[in-house]
Protein backbone atom coordinates (compact mmCIF):
# COMPACT_ATOMS: atom_id res chain seq x y z
CA UNK A 1 -31.28 7.22 36.21
CA UNK A 2 -29.04 9.54 34.58
CA UNK A 3 -29.55 7.42 30.96
CA UNK A 4 -33.27 7.19 32.02
CA UNK A 5 -33.68 11.18 32.34
CA UNK A 6 -31.93 11.58 28.98
CA UNK A 7 -34.76 10.20 27.23
CA UNK A 8 -37.82 11.34 29.49
CA UNK A 9 -38.40 14.64 31.80
CA UNK A 10 -39.12 11.93 35.01
CA UNK A 11 -38.37 8.85 36.14
CA UNK A 12 -41.75 7.03 34.84
CA UNK A 13 -42.02 9.46 31.95
CA UNK A 14 -43.38 12.93 31.46
CA UNK A 15 -45.53 13.24 34.25
CA UNK A 16 -44.29 13.67 37.73
CA UNK A 17 -44.75 10.90 40.46
CA UNK A 18 -43.83 9.80 43.83
CA UNK A 19 -40.78 8.24 42.63
CA UNK A 20 -39.29 11.62 41.74
CA UNK A 21 -40.42 12.92 44.89
CA UNK A 22 -38.42 10.12 46.62
CA UNK A 23 -35.44 10.60 44.69
CA UNK A 24 -35.21 14.33 44.83
CA UNK A 25 -34.99 14.37 48.43
CA UNK A 26 -32.04 12.04 48.35
CA UNK A 27 -30.31 13.69 45.25
CA UNK A 28 -30.73 17.40 46.82
CA UNK A 29 -28.30 16.36 49.28
CA UNK A 30 -25.94 14.44 47.54
CA UNK A 31 -23.02 17.00 46.48
CA UNK A 32 -23.73 18.84 49.44
CA UNK A 33 -23.86 16.34 52.40
CA UNK A 34 -23.12 12.48 50.85
CA UNK A 35 -20.52 13.29 48.63
CA UNK A 36 -18.18 14.41 51.64
CA UNK A 37 -19.91 12.76 54.83
CA UNK A 38 -20.83 9.38 53.08
CA UNK A 39 -17.71 9.29 51.07
CA UNK A 40 -19.54 9.29 47.77
CA UNK A 41 -17.10 11.10 46.26
CA UNK A 42 -16.23 9.91 43.04
CA UNK A 43 -18.58 11.79 40.93
CA UNK A 44 -20.59 14.72 41.92
CA UNK A 45 -23.88 15.29 40.48
CA UNK A 46 -23.17 18.92 39.19
CA UNK A 47 -19.88 18.09 37.99
CA UNK A 48 -20.80 14.51 35.91
CA UNK A 49 -24.34 13.82 35.74
CA UNK A 50 -26.39 16.69 33.79
CA UNK A 51 -29.51 14.92 33.14
CA UNK A 52 -29.05 14.68 37.12
CA UNK A 53 -28.59 18.37 37.68
CA UNK A 54 -31.70 19.49 35.59
CA UNK A 55 -34.05 17.31 36.94
CA UNK A 56 -33.23 18.20 40.70
CA UNK A 57 -33.17 21.92 39.50
CA UNK A 58 -36.93 21.19 37.79
CA UNK A 59 -38.54 19.61 40.72
CA UNK A 60 -36.59 22.47 43.18
CA UNK A 61 -38.67 25.04 40.75
CA UNK A 62 -41.77 23.51 41.42
CA UNK A 63 -44.48 25.89 43.42
CA UNK A 64 -43.24 25.27 47.35
CA UNK A 65 -40.39 23.00 46.80
CA UNK A 66 -37.68 25.59 47.38
CA UNK A 67 -39.31 26.63 50.00
CA UNK A 68 -39.28 23.35 51.87
CA UNK A 69 -35.11 22.87 51.43
CA UNK A 70 -33.16 24.11 53.95
CA UNK A 71 -29.73 23.34 53.11
CA UNK A 72 -28.09 24.93 56.07
CA UNK A 73 -30.72 22.75 58.23
CA UNK A 74 -29.84 19.94 56.27
CA UNK A 75 -26.25 20.10 56.79
CA UNK A 76 -26.12 20.96 60.33
CA UNK A 77 -28.04 18.06 61.07
CA UNK A 78 -25.75 15.35 59.03
CA UNK A 79 -22.45 17.14 59.90
CA UNK A 80 -23.27 17.51 64.06
CA UNK A 81 -25.64 14.37 64.69
CA UNK A 82 -23.11 11.64 64.55
CA UNK A 83 -20.16 11.86 66.23
CA UNK A 84 -18.51 8.54 65.38
CA UNK A 85 -18.50 9.69 62.09
CA UNK A 86 -17.58 13.50 62.64
CA UNK A 87 -16.39 13.85 65.95
CA UNK A 88 -15.57 17.76 66.39
CA UNK A 89 -19.24 18.37 64.19
CA UNK A 90 -17.55 20.25 61.64
CA UNK A 91 -19.74 21.72 58.85
CA UNK A 92 -17.94 22.33 55.74
CA UNK A 93 -18.40 25.09 53.61
CA UNK A 94 -19.43 22.67 50.41
CA UNK A 95 -20.02 23.28 47.52
CA UNK A 96 -23.26 25.38 46.38
CA UNK A 97 -25.26 24.46 43.78
CA UNK A 98 -28.12 27.09 41.85
CA UNK A 99 -31.06 25.06 42.14
CA UNK A 100 -32.94 27.72 41.08
CA UNK A 101 -30.82 28.39 38.05
CA UNK A 102 -32.48 27.42 34.53
CA UNK A 103 -32.80 23.56 33.33
CA UNK A 104 -33.63 21.72 30.13
CA UNK A 105 -36.45 19.48 31.29
CA UNK A 106 -39.09 21.50 29.05
CA UNK A 107 -37.22 19.72 25.98
CA UNK A 108 -39.38 16.54 27.12
CA UNK A 109 -43.23 18.36 26.91
């Protein structure tokens, strides 16, 4: 995805599609939950994938999208609903990513 997004604004070109929305709901959770909880800790999006990070920021900034993302709820759900993975339901502080910060995706217009 990083390579594809280095050449175009969205996964299937310069128009957002269902594929982008499906990818967004996973990517928005990746650094805050998947990196630690599911042991996907080789590389974070924010530190290693600039095109993915800016892509997530772009979609997050679409009207109505930011209001639909409640990171506190997402983290609480994941970290407290699987006792076999997190017996004490400890919710880490995490690594806050500012998805409302400027992105560079307009370069593909």
